Amino acid sequence: MTSTTPRPIPDGVPERIRHYIGGELTDSADGAVFDVLDPVTNEVYVRAAAGKKADIDRAVAAARKAFTEGPWPKLLPRERSRVLNRIADLVESRDKRLAALESFDSGLPISQALGQARRAAENFRFFADLIVAQADDAYKVPGRQVNYVNRKPIGVAGLITPWNTPFMLESWKLAPALATGNTVVLKPAEFTPLSASLWAEIFEEAGLPAGVFNLVNGFGEDAGDALVKHPDVPLISFTGESRTGSLIFGNAAPFLKGLSMELGGKSPAIVFADADLETAIDATIFGVFSLNGERCTAGSRILVERAVYDEFVERYAAQAERVVVGDPADPATEVGALVHPEHYEKVMKYIEIGKTEARLVAGGGRPAGFPTGNYVAPTVFADVKPDARIFQEEIFGPVVAITPFDSEEEALELANNTKYGLAAYVWTNDLKRAHNFAQSVEAGMVWLNSNNVRDLRTPFGGVKASGLGHEGGYRSIDFYTDQQAVHINLGEVHNPAFGKGAKPVD
């Protein structure tokens, strides 16, 4: 797009995005709204209800009532599984519509938004299967005792989600929370409320009882803060930046809430000289420039062994220059528009900082032919020192820092030299080295000779400033359930007998 001419709004965008509380669409108690911008033109295309404490109170009350009085927590796992599979069917049947709305709202390339919509369906399908197949622990002391674990839903789960791939990441939390019998209040990111508004109609059509799912739009300091501090919300699952996670941790502490937080990252991709360079370049290009670079697991620090460093930088920069920047609605687009002008300004400031810290070899500003909108050319810095801000700080955009290393020990030191520890990627044909490196790198997830491929059975989460706790597979089941130990005596009761001694002499 080369002007601020409004783009055609996709079919399905409501006149106003509203809250969904107790099975009903509703405005904010005080009537407040906020503007939602088209990332390509930065023009307002819709307004959304701006929730505050009163709206969170209503949503939590509805969710609490559905939990204590409604059927959902008491259903058999198979019955809940059927509803979750219907949700997955509905998401799959509407994947193109969902992708179009998500792409318009967030600036994600339409081809990548379509993949995220399909992953959302798979998340529900996975947890529909898992709760039916789940086996709880049982322990026997032969002839004496049987002990077993009884899992129970906890109550109202507060879900706070980010603006990058919002629909898929909402499903990542909604599916296990609902599968385990909880009720939920979702607070989606204020930059991207559109796709979240579609959950209400999907859940209603799938047969989810009223009050089990509630949605309150708004800003973190208003709706998000009220949700975290609400005494009737025992669980908070949050995905977002580390600074916000720290605030949530402090605000939830007085209530002793269960917390699961997937936070920021500055993940390293380590390329050894014996790696297949073409494969490593393809993977690391995709790893930082897909999803517009707005991904927590982006391999935004590439560490390259010096023997192949110059060749890698030259080939990487040339390929980055060929990455297709364009209208998010164009299927050929590989990098679209960043989500919001505030975030665009942040990324551009980091690019200017990078120009003073390192050697710019590709990109470095707004791409040619896009004078307006939140477009950033895929940007590559080489010879980045480990104390540079672009090496240490999360940029969350299509910007990558490349640094050489001379030994495996130096590579490990560089990889671990940030406050973050979410993901790491290792490229080498020496599998012994790969496995040993994975053991030593400070990251919650490591991919060896692989891009960011998710297996939903495995734990997802980070260490250090990248998170608290893990979700995915049984870790999600653990988070969203109380695990009650039940002990049954089978034989003679072996109790110490107090109070049966000789009577005291007068």
Protein backbone atom coordinates (compact mmCIF):
# COMPACT_ATOMS: atom_id res chain seq x y z
CA MET A 1 0.00 0.00 0.00
CA THR A 2 1.37 3.40 -0.90
CA SER A 3 -1.24 5.71 0.58
CA THR A 4 -3.57 6.06 3.52
CA THR A 5 -6.55 5.12 1.38
CA PRO A 6 -8.66 2.89 3.62
CA ARG A 7 -8.46 -0.78 2.75
CA PRO A 8 -11.69 -2.67 2.14
CA ILE A 9 -12.75 -4.12 5.48
CA PRO A 10 -13.26 -7.90 5.31
CA ASP A 11 -16.71 -9.37 5.69
CA GLY A 12 -17.53 -10.29 9.27
CA VAL A 13 -16.14 -7.21 11.02
CA PRO A 14 -18.82 -5.98 13.46
CA GLU A 15 -19.79 -2.34 13.80
CA ARG A 16 -18.36 -2.47 17.32
CA ILE A 17 -16.41 -5.15 19.14
CA ARG A 18 -18.16 -5.88 22.41
CA HIS A 19 -17.56 -7.92 25.53
CA TYR A 20 -19.13 -11.36 25.90
CA ILE A 21 -20.34 -12.03 29.43
CA GLY A 22 -22.66 -14.77 30.63
CA GLY A 23 -23.64 -15.72 27.09
CA GLU A 24 -24.48 -12.16 25.98
CA LEU A 25 -22.69 -9.51 23.93
CA THR A 26 -22.49 -6.34 25.99
CA ASP A 27 -20.91 -2.89 26.08
CA SER A 28 -18.74 -1.62 28.91
CA ALA A 29 -20.56 -0.57 32.05
CA ASP A 30 -19.40 3.01 31.52
CA GLY A 31 -19.80 2.93 27.73
CA ALA A 32 -16.07 3.44 27.11
CA VAL A 33 -14.51 2.35 23.80
CA PHE A 34 -11.07 2.42 22.21
CA ASP A 35 -9.88 2.66 18.61
CA VAL A 36 -8.56 -0.33 16.68
CA LEU A 37 -6.14 0.51 13.85
CA ASP A 38 -5.51 -1.08 10.47
CA PRO A 39 -1.72 -1.77 10.52
CA VAL A 40 -1.39 -1.02 6.81
CA THR A 41 -2.90 2.48 6.95
CA ASN A 42 -3.00 3.19 10.71
CA GLU A 43 -6.57 4.35 10.20
CA VAL A 44 -9.29 3.48 12.73
CA TYR A 45 -11.46 0.74 11.25
CA VAL A 46 -13.48 -0.34 14.28
CA ARG A 47 -13.96 0.53 17.95
CA ALA A 48 -13.98 -1.93 20.81
CA ALA A 49 -15.54 -1.83 24.25
CA ALA A 50 -12.95 -0.76 26.83
CA GLY A 51 -13.41 -2.96 29.88
CA LYS A 52 -12.62 -1.92 33.42
CA LYS A 53 -13.05 -3.37 36.89
CA ALA A 54 -16.87 -3.34 36.74
CA ASP A 55 -16.83 -5.38 33.54
CA ILE A 56 -14.29 -7.84 34.92
CA ASP A 57 -16.44 -8.20 38.04
CA ARG A 58 -19.46 -9.09 35.88
CA ALA A 59 -17.47 -11.57 33.81
CA VAL A 60 -15.94 -13.28 36.84
CA ALA A 61 -19.36 -13.51 38.50
CA ALA A 62 -20.78 -15.17 35.38
CA ALA A 63 -17.84 -17.57 35.17
CA ARG A 64 -18.05 -18.37 38.88
CA LYS A 65 -21.76 -19.10 38.64
CA ALA A 66 -21.19 -21.38 35.63
CA PHE A 67 -18.52 -23.23 37.60
CA THR A 68 -20.47 -23.69 40.83
CA GLU A 69 -23.98 -24.16 39.43
CA GLY A 70 -23.55 -25.18 35.80
CA PRO A 71 -22.97 -28.57 34.22
CA TRP A 72 -19.55 -28.00 32.62
CA PRO A 73 -17.20 -29.00 35.49
CA LYS A 74 -19.31 -32.08 36.24
CA LEU A 75 -19.39 -33.49 32.70
CA LEU A 76 -17.51 -36.66 31.93
CA PRO A 77 -14.26 -36.10 30.01
CA ARG A 78 -15.79 -37.72 26.94
CA GLU A 79 -18.70 -35.25 27.00
CA ARG A 80 -16.38 -32.26 27.21
CA SER A 81 -14.22 -33.83 24.51
CA ARG A 82 -17.18 -33.89 22.10
CA VAL A 83 -17.70 -30.15 22.59
CA LEU A 84 -14.00 -29.43 22.04
CA ASN A 85 -14.00 -31.48 18.84
CA ARG A 86 -17.02 -29.53 17.60
CA ILE A 87 -15.11 -26.32 18.33
CA ALA A 88 -12.18 -27.65 16.28
CA ASP A 89 -14.53 -28.55 13.42
CA LEU A 90 -16.00 -25.05 13.41
CA VAL A 91 -12.59 -23.38 13.46
CA GLU A 92 -11.42 -25.56 10.57
CA SER A 93 -14.56 -24.81 8.57
CA ARG A 94 -13.98 -21.06 9.00
CA ASP A 95 -10.20 -21.01 8.63
CA LYS A 96 -10.15 -18.68 5.63
CA ARG A 97 -12.49 -16.18 7.27
CA LEU A 98 -10.50 -16.33 10.51
CA ALA A 99 -7.25 -15.84 8.62
CA ALA A 100 -8.60 -12.85 6.69
CA LEU A 101 -9.73 -11.12 9.89
CA GLU A 102 -6.53 -11.97 11.74
CA SER A 103 -4.37 -10.73 8.87
CA PHE A 104 -6.34 -7.49 8.59
CA ASP A 105 -6.22 -6.88 12.33
CA SER A 106 -2.60 -7.81 13.02
CA GLY A 107 -0.74 -7.25 9.75
CA LEU A 108 0.32 -10.90 9.53
CA PRO A 109 0.75 -12.27 5.99
CA ILE A 110 -2.43 -14.07 5.01
CA SER A 111 -0.66 -17.36 4.28
CA GLN A 112 0.83 -17.42 7.77
CA ALA A 113 -2.44 -16.32 9.39
CA LEU A 114 -4.15 -19.27 7.70
CA GLY A 115 -1.62 -21.64 9.21
CA GLN A 116 -2.22 -20.15 12.65
CA ALA A 117 -6.00 -20.61 12.32
CA ARG A 118 -5.49 -24.28 11.51
CA ARG A 119 -3.14 -24.66 14.47
CA ALA A 120 -5.88 -23.24 16.68
CA ALA A 121 -8.19 -26.04 15.59
CA GLU A 122 -5.45 -28.58 16.26
CA ASN A 123 -4.99 -27.23 19.80
CA PHE A 124 -8.63 -28.02 20.59
CA ARG A 125 -8.40 -31.39 18.87
CA PHE A 126 -5.31 -32.30 20.89
CA PHE A 127 -6.82 -31.52 24.30
CA ALA A 128 -10.10 -33.18 23.33
CA ASP A 129 -8.10 -36.37 22.84
CA LEU A 130 -5.85 -35.88 25.86
CA ILE A 131 -8.56 -35.59 28.50
CA VAL A 132 -10.17 -38.83 27.32
CA ALA A 133 -6.88 -40.72 27.22
CA GLN A 134 -5.54 -39.24 30.45
CA ALA A 135 -4.56 -41.73 33.15
CA ASP A 136 -4.12 -40.57 36.75
CA ASP A 137 -1.48 -41.95 39.06
CA ALA A 138 -2.19 -44.80 41.46
CA TYR A 139 0.19 -46.34 44.02
CA LYS A 140 -0.24 -49.61 45.93
CA VAL A 141 1.23 -50.93 49.15
CA PRO A 142 0.20 -54.60 48.73
CA GLY A 143 -2.27 -55.70 51.35
CA ARG A 144 -2.00 -52.40 53.17
CA GLN A 145 -3.03 -49.36 51.16
CA VAL A 146 -4.04 -47.94 47.80
CA ASN A 147 -3.32 -44.31 46.97
CA TYR A 148 -4.62 -42.55 43.88
CA VAL A 149 -4.73 -39.03 42.44
CA ASN A 150 -8.04 -37.34 41.78
CA ARG A 151 -7.87 -34.36 39.43
CA LYS A 152 -10.41 -31.59 39.82
CA PRO A 153 -10.99 -28.36 37.91
CA ILE A 154 -9.93 -25.35 39.95
CA GLY A 155 -12.45 -22.64 39.08
CA VAL A 156 -12.27 -19.45 37.04
CA ALA A 157 -9.13 -19.18 34.93
CA GLY A 158 -7.99 -15.70 33.88
CA LEU A 159 -6.37 -15.78 30.44
CA ILE A 160 -4.39 -12.77 29.21
CA THR A 161 -3.14 -13.12 25.65
CA PRO A 162 -0.79 -11.18 23.31
CA TRP A 163 -1.27 -9.53 19.94
CA ASN A 164 1.07 -11.73 17.90
CA THR A 165 -0.87 -14.64 16.36
CA PRO A 166 -3.68 -13.80 18.82
CA PHE A 167 -6.31 -16.35 17.77
CA MET A 168 -3.92 -19.30 17.90
CA LEU A 169 -2.41 -18.24 21.23
CA GLU A 170 -5.89 -17.77 22.70
CA SER A 171 -6.72 -21.33 21.67
CA TRP A 172 -3.53 -22.52 23.36
CA LYS A 173 -4.95 -21.40 26.70
CA LEU A 174 -8.67 -21.85 26.10
CA ALA A 175 -8.44 -25.49 25.01
CA PRO A 176 -6.77 -26.95 28.14
CA ALA A 177 -8.61 -24.63 30.53
CA LEU A 178 -11.98 -25.74 29.14
CA ALA A 179 -10.96 -29.36 28.62
CA THR A 180 -10.23 -29.75 32.32
CA GLY A 181 -13.63 -28.35 33.36
CA ASN A 182 -12.74 -24.80 34.32
CA THR A 183 -14.59 -21.67 33.28
CA VAL A 184 -12.67 -18.73 31.83
CA VAL A 185 -12.41 -14.99 31.47
CA LEU A 186 -10.31 -14.03 28.44
CA LYS A 187 -8.66 -10.60 28.19
CA PRO A 188 -7.22 -10.34 24.65
CA ALA A 189 -4.60 -7.82 23.59
CA GLU A 190 -6.00 -4.37 22.90
CA PHE A 191 -4.09 -4.05 19.59
CA THR A 192 -5.86 -7.11 18.11
CA PRO A 193 -9.35 -7.72 19.54
CA LEU A 194 -11.02 -8.71 16.27
CA SER A 195 -10.34 -12.44 15.99
CA ALA A 196 -11.06 -12.96 19.71
CA SER A 197 -14.57 -11.66 19.11
CA LEU A 198 -15.24 -14.74 16.95
CA TRP A 199 -14.90 -17.18 19.85
CA ALA A 200 -18.38 -16.37 21.18
CA GLU A 201 -20.24 -17.55 18.09
CA ILE A 202 -17.99 -20.61 17.73
CA PHE A 203 -18.52 -21.67 21.34
CA GLU A 204 -22.27 -21.08 21.21
CA GLU A 205 -22.62 -23.16 18.04
CA ALA A 206 -20.48 -25.93 19.56
CA GLY A 207 -22.76 -26.13 22.61
CA LEU A 208 -20.58 -24.64 25.32
CA PRO A 209 -22.89 -23.64 28.21
CA ALA A 210 -23.43 -19.92 28.86
CA GLY A 211 -20.99 -18.41 31.32
CA VAL A 212 -18.25 -20.97 30.75
CA PHE A 213 -16.49 -18.59 28.35
CA ASN A 214 -16.39 -14.85 28.98
CA LEU A 215 -14.45 -12.16 27.19
CA VAL A 216 -13.58 -8.64 28.31
CA ASN A 217 -11.67 -6.34 25.97
CA GLY A 218 -9.57 -3.47 27.23
CA PHE A 219 -6.17 -2.27 28.33
CA GLY A 220 -3.81 -4.15 30.58
CA GLU A 221 -3.75 -1.44 33.23
CA ASP A 222 -7.55 -1.56 33.49
CA ALA A 223 -9.12 -4.89 32.53
CA GLY A 224 -5.94 -6.95 32.86
CA ASP A 225 -5.06 -5.53 36.24
CA ALA A 226 -8.59 -6.09 37.57
CA LEU A 227 -8.53 -9.71 36.37
CA VAL A 228 -5.18 -10.42 38.03
CA LYS A 229 -6.32 -8.91 41.33
CA HIS A 230 -9.80 -10.47 41.42
CA PRO A 231 -10.13 -12.72 44.49
CA ASP A 232 -12.40 -15.21 42.68
CA VAL A 233 -9.83 -15.94 39.95
CA PRO A 234 -7.38 -18.54 41.33
CA LEU A 235 -5.44 -19.01 38.07
CA ILE A 236 -3.74 -16.57 35.70
CA SER A 237 -2.15 -17.66 32.43
CA PHE A 238 -0.28 -14.84 30.70
CA THR A 239 1.72 -14.55 27.52
CA GLY A 240 3.53 -11.28 26.89
CA GLU A 241 6.63 -9.27 27.66
CA SER A 242 8.77 -9.92 30.72
CA ARG A 243 8.20 -6.50 32.28
CA THR A 244 4.43 -7.01 32.30
CA GLY A 245 4.92 -10.53 33.64
CA SER A 246 6.87 -9.12 36.57
CA LEU A 247 4.01 -6.74 37.38
CA ILE A 248 1.49 -9.59 37.22
CA PHE A 249 3.67 -11.70 39.49
CA GLY A 250 3.67 -8.94 42.11
CA ASN A 251 -0.04 -8.18 41.83
CA ALA A 252 -1.02 -11.86 42.05
CA ALA A 253 1.23 -12.63 45.01
CA PRO A 254 -1.08 -11.37 47.79
CA PHE A 255 -3.78 -13.76 46.51
CA LEU A 256 -1.41 -16.76 46.15
CA LYS A 257 -2.72 -17.41 42.64
CA GLY A 258 -1.47 -20.12 40.35
CA LEU A 259 0.62 -18.49 37.60
CA SER A 260 1.78 -19.64 34.20
CA MET A 261 3.72 -17.00 32.30
CA GLU A 262 5.37 -17.31 28.90
CA LEU A 263 7.41 -14.14 28.55
CA GLY A 264 10.02 -12.56 26.30
CA GLY A 265 12.97 -14.05 24.50
CA LYS A 266 16.23 -13.27 22.75
CA SER A 267 16.84 -16.75 21.48
CA PRO A 268 20.16 -17.82 19.96
CA ALA A 269 20.62 -19.85 16.80
CA ILE A 270 24.08 -21.42 16.87
CA VAL A 271 25.55 -22.41 13.50
CA PHE A 272 28.69 -24.56 13.58
CA ALA A 273 31.04 -24.84 10.61
CA ASP A 274 30.00 -28.43 9.89
CA ALA A 275 26.33 -27.54 9.49
CA ASP A 276 24.48 -27.66 6.18
CA LEU A 277 24.71 -23.91 5.54
CA GLU A 278 21.87 -23.68 3.04
CA THR A 279 19.47 -25.41 5.41
CA ALA A 280 20.68 -23.34 8.35
CA ILE A 281 20.28 -20.10 6.41
CA ASP A 282 16.77 -21.02 5.27
CA ALA A 283 15.78 -21.94 8.81
CA THR A 284 17.26 -18.87 10.46
CA ILE A 285 15.75 -16.55 7.83
CA PHE A 286 12.34 -18.06 8.52
CA GLY A 287 12.97 -18.17 12.27
CA VAL A 288 13.31 -14.41 12.62
CA PHE A 289 11.32 -12.96 9.71
CA SER A 290 8.20 -15.16 9.75
CA LEU A 291 5.22 -13.69 11.59
CA ASN A 292 6.82 -10.29 10.87
CA GLY A 293 9.47 -11.09 13.45
CA GLU A 294 6.82 -10.69 16.14
CA ARG A 295 7.39 -14.05 17.78
CA CYS A 296 8.70 -14.88 21.23
CA THR A 297 10.78 -17.82 20.00
CA ALA A 298 12.46 -15.92 17.16
CA GLY A 299 16.11 -16.86 16.72
CA SER A 300 17.07 -13.20 16.71
CA ARG A 301 20.72 -13.76 17.70
CA ILE A 302 22.63 -15.90 15.21
CA LEU A 303 26.01 -17.13 16.44
CA VAL A 304 28.20 -18.43 13.61
CA GLU A 305 31.52 -20.27 13.81
CA ARG A 306 34.24 -18.03 12.36
CA ALA A 307 35.37 -20.53 9.70
CA VAL A 308 32.08 -20.00 7.84
CA TYR A 309 31.13 -16.61 9.27
CA ASP A 310 31.90 -14.40 6.24
CA GLU A 311 30.16 -16.77 3.83
CA PHE A 312 27.16 -17.08 6.12
CA VAL A 313 26.77 -13.31 6.54
CA GLU A 314 27.06 -12.66 2.81
CA ARG A 315 24.53 -15.33 1.85
CA TYR A 316 22.17 -14.49 4.72
CA ALA A 317 22.12 -10.78 3.91
CA ALA A 318 21.49 -11.44 0.22
CA GLN A 319 18.58 -13.75 1.01
CA ALA A 320 17.12 -11.34 3.56
CA GLU A 321 17.06 -8.66 0.86
CA ARG A 322 14.93 -10.99 -1.27
CA VAL A 323 12.29 -11.60 1.44
CA VAL A 324 9.00 -10.33 0.04
CA VAL A 325 7.51 -7.41 1.97
CA GLY A 326 3.98 -6.52 0.98
CA ASP A 327 0.29 -6.20 1.66
CA PRO A 328 -0.68 -8.75 4.32
CA ALA A 329 -3.63 -9.81 2.15
CA ASP A 330 -1.34 -10.85 -0.74
CA PRO A 331 -0.56 -14.60 -0.63
CA ALA A 332 2.95 -13.85 -1.96
CA THR A 333 3.80 -11.63 1.02
CA GLU A 334 6.36 -13.04 3.46
CA VAL A 335 6.63 -10.02 5.79
CA GLY A 336 3.61 -7.78 6.29
CA ALA A 337 3.00 -4.70 8.42
CA LEU A 338 3.85 -4.55 12.11
CA VAL A 339 0.83 -4.61 14.37
CA HIS A 340 0.65 -0.99 15.60
CA PRO A 341 2.45 2.36 15.15
CA GLU A 342 3.67 2.25 18.76
CA HIS A 343 5.41 -1.05 18.12
CA TYR A 344 6.68 0.15 14.73
CA GLU A 345 8.36 3.13 16.40
CA LYS A 346 9.98 0.84 18.98
CA VAL A 347 11.44 -1.43 16.29
CA MET A 348 12.68 1.50 14.21
CA LYS A 349 14.42 2.99 17.26
CA TYR A 350 16.27 -0.28 17.78
CA ILE A 351 17.35 -0.25 14.14
CA GLU A 352 18.84 3.21 14.62
CA ILE A 353 20.60 2.00 17.78
CA GLY A 354 21.93 -0.98 15.85
CA LYS A 355 23.47 1.28 13.22
CA THR A 356 25.70 2.75 15.95
CA GLU A 357 26.61 -0.65 17.41
CA ALA A 358 27.24 -2.97 14.47
CA ARG A 359 27.59 -3.34 10.69
CA LEU A 360 24.32 -3.08 8.77
CA VAL A 361 24.30 -5.60 5.92
CA ALA A 362 20.61 -5.66 4.89
CA GLY A 363 17.51 -3.55 5.35
CA GLY A 364 17.76 -0.86 7.96
CA GLY A 365 14.51 1.05 7.62
CA ARG A 366 11.28 1.37 5.71
CA PRO A 367 11.22 -0.71 2.51
CA ALA A 368 11.02 1.03 -0.85
CA GLY A 369 7.50 1.51 -2.17
CA PHE A 370 5.85 1.64 1.26
CA PRO A 371 5.87 5.27 2.42
CA THR A 372 3.10 4.67 4.95
CA GLY A 373 1.97 1.89 7.26
CA ASN A 374 4.00 -0.11 9.76
CA TYR A 375 6.40 -1.66 7.26
CA VAL A 376 9.98 -2.55 8.20
CA ALA A 377 12.47 -4.05 5.76
CA PRO A 378 14.05 -7.30 6.99
CA THR A 379 17.13 -5.97 8.74
CA VAL A 380 20.43 -7.76 9.36
CA PHE A 381 23.30 -6.57 11.54
CA ALA A 382 26.69 -8.32 11.51
CA ASP A 383 29.70 -8.17 13.86
CA VAL A 384 27.38 -7.56 16.81
CA LYS A 385 29.18 -7.39 20.15
CA PRO A 386 27.68 -9.26 23.14
CA ASP A 387 27.21 -6.03 25.10
CA ALA A 388 25.26 -4.33 22.28
CA ARG A 389 21.65 -3.49 23.02
CA ILE A 390 20.52 -5.25 19.84
CA PHE A 391 22.23 -8.39 21.20
CA GLN A 392 20.76 -8.15 24.70
CA GLU A 393 17.26 -6.66 24.32
CA GLU A 394 14.14 -8.11 22.75
CA ILE A 395 13.18 -6.16 19.61
CA PHE A 396 10.23 -8.30 18.50
CA GLY A 397 10.46 -7.35 14.85
CA PRO A 398 12.21 -8.37 11.61
CA VAL A 399 15.69 -7.56 12.94
CA VAL A 400 18.54 -10.03 13.49
CA ALA A 401 22.01 -9.77 15.05
CA ILE A 402 24.85 -12.01 13.79
CA THR A 403 27.95 -12.62 15.94
CA PRO A 404 31.03 -14.80 15.28
CA PHE A 405 32.53 -17.34 17.67
CA ASP A 406 35.76 -19.32 17.68
CA SER A 407 35.06 -22.27 19.97
CA GLU A 408 32.21 -24.33 21.35
CA GLU A 409 32.88 -22.84 24.79
CA GLU A 410 32.60 -19.30 23.43
CA ALA A 411 29.41 -20.19 21.57
CA LEU A 412 27.84 -21.46 24.80
CA GLU A 413 28.95 -18.38 26.70
CA LEU A 414 27.43 -16.10 24.04
CA ALA A 415 24.23 -18.14 23.87
CA ASN A 416 23.68 -17.85 27.63
CA ASN A 417 24.72 -14.19 27.84
CA THR A 418 21.26 -12.59 28.12
CA LYS A 419 18.62 -12.37 30.82
CA TYR A 420 16.30 -14.46 28.63
CA GLY A 421 16.10 -18.23 28.20
CA LEU A 422 13.15 -19.25 26.06
CA ALA A 423 14.44 -21.13 23.01
CA ALA A 424 17.69 -22.10 21.30
CA TYR A 425 18.49 -23.59 17.89
CA VAL A 426 21.64 -25.59 17.17
CA TRP A 427 22.89 -26.39 13.67
CA THR A 428 25.64 -29.02 13.45
CA ASN A 429 26.20 -32.46 11.95
CA ASP A 430 28.00 -33.57 15.12
CA LEU A 431 25.15 -35.09 17.12
CA LYS A 432 27.29 -35.65 20.21
CA ARG A 433 28.08 -31.94 20.25
CA ALA A 434 24.43 -31.07 19.60
CA HIS A 435 23.12 -33.09 22.54
CA ASN A 436 25.80 -31.85 24.92
CA PHE A 437 25.23 -28.26 23.86
CA ALA A 438 21.49 -28.67 24.44
CA GLN A 439 22.21 -29.89 27.98
CA SER A 440 24.25 -26.77 28.76
CA VAL A 441 22.34 -23.99 27.04
CA GLU A 442 20.02 -21.95 29.27
CA ALA A 443 16.76 -22.35 27.38
CA GLY A 444 13.42 -23.95 28.09
CA MET A 445 13.28 -25.42 24.57
CA VAL A 446 16.03 -26.46 22.19
CA TRP A 447 15.70 -27.44 18.54
CA LEU A 448 18.59 -29.44 17.05
CA ASN A 449 18.89 -29.15 13.26
CA SER A 450 15.25 -28.14 13.24
CA ASN A 451 13.12 -25.08 12.94
CA ASN A 452 10.51 -24.17 15.53
CA VAL A 453 8.32 -27.25 15.12
CA ARG A 454 5.87 -27.73 17.98
CA ASP A 455 4.88 -31.10 19.38
CA LEU A 456 1.88 -30.34 21.59
CA ARG A 457 2.80 -33.17 23.96
CA THR A 458 6.00 -31.42 25.06
CA PRO A 459 6.38 -28.62 27.63
CA PHE A 460 6.45 -25.06 26.33
CA GLY A 461 8.11 -22.41 28.48
CA GLY A 462 11.33 -20.70 29.37
CA VAL A 463 13.85 -20.08 32.12
CA LYS A 464 15.28 -16.89 33.63
CA ALA A 465 13.31 -13.84 32.44
CA SER A 466 11.49 -15.87 29.79
CA GLY A 467 8.84 -17.37 31.97
CA LEU A 468 7.41 -19.16 34.93
CA GLY A 469 6.03 -22.68 34.58
CA HIS A 470 5.28 -24.69 31.45
CA GLU A 471 2.23 -25.41 29.35
CA GLY A 472 1.58 -28.01 26.70
CA GLY A 473 0.47 -31.60 27.05
CA TYR A 474 0.16 -32.90 30.60
CA ARG A 475 1.82 -29.74 31.95
CA SER A 476 -1.30 -27.83 30.94
CA ILE A 477 -3.49 -30.46 32.60
CA ASP A 478 -1.40 -30.07 35.76
CA PHE A 479 -1.76 -26.28 35.75
CA TYR A 480 -5.52 -26.22 35.24
CA THR A 481 -6.36 -28.92 37.80
CA ASP A 482 -6.00 -29.53 41.51
CA GLN A 483 -4.36 -32.88 42.21
CA GLN A 484 -5.98 -34.44 45.23
CA ALA A 485 -4.33 -37.46 46.82
CA VAL A 486 -6.79 -40.07 48.12
CA HIS A 487 -5.55 -42.79 50.52
CA ILE A 488 -7.49 -46.04 51.21
CA ASN A 489 -6.58 -48.47 53.97
CA LEU A 490 -6.92 -52.15 52.99
CA GLY A 491 -5.77 -53.99 56.07
CA GLU A 492 -5.17 -53.58 59.75
CA VAL A 493 -5.09 -49.96 60.81
CA HIS A 494 -1.59 -49.13 62.01
CA ASN A 495 -2.32 -46.14 64.18
CA PRO A 496 -0.24 -45.00 67.11
CA ALA A 497 -2.60 -45.19 70.12
CA PHE A 498 -2.46 -42.07 72.24
CA GLY A 499 -4.30 -41.81 75.55
CA LYS A 500 -4.49 -45.55 76.30
CA GLY A 501 -1.75 -45.81 78.88
CA ALA A 502 -2.15 -46.58 82.62
CA LYS A 503 -4.28 -44.17 84.59
CA PRO A 504 -2.23 -41.79 86.67
CA VAL A 505 -1.92 -42.68 90.39
CA ASP A 506 -3.49 -40.17 92.80
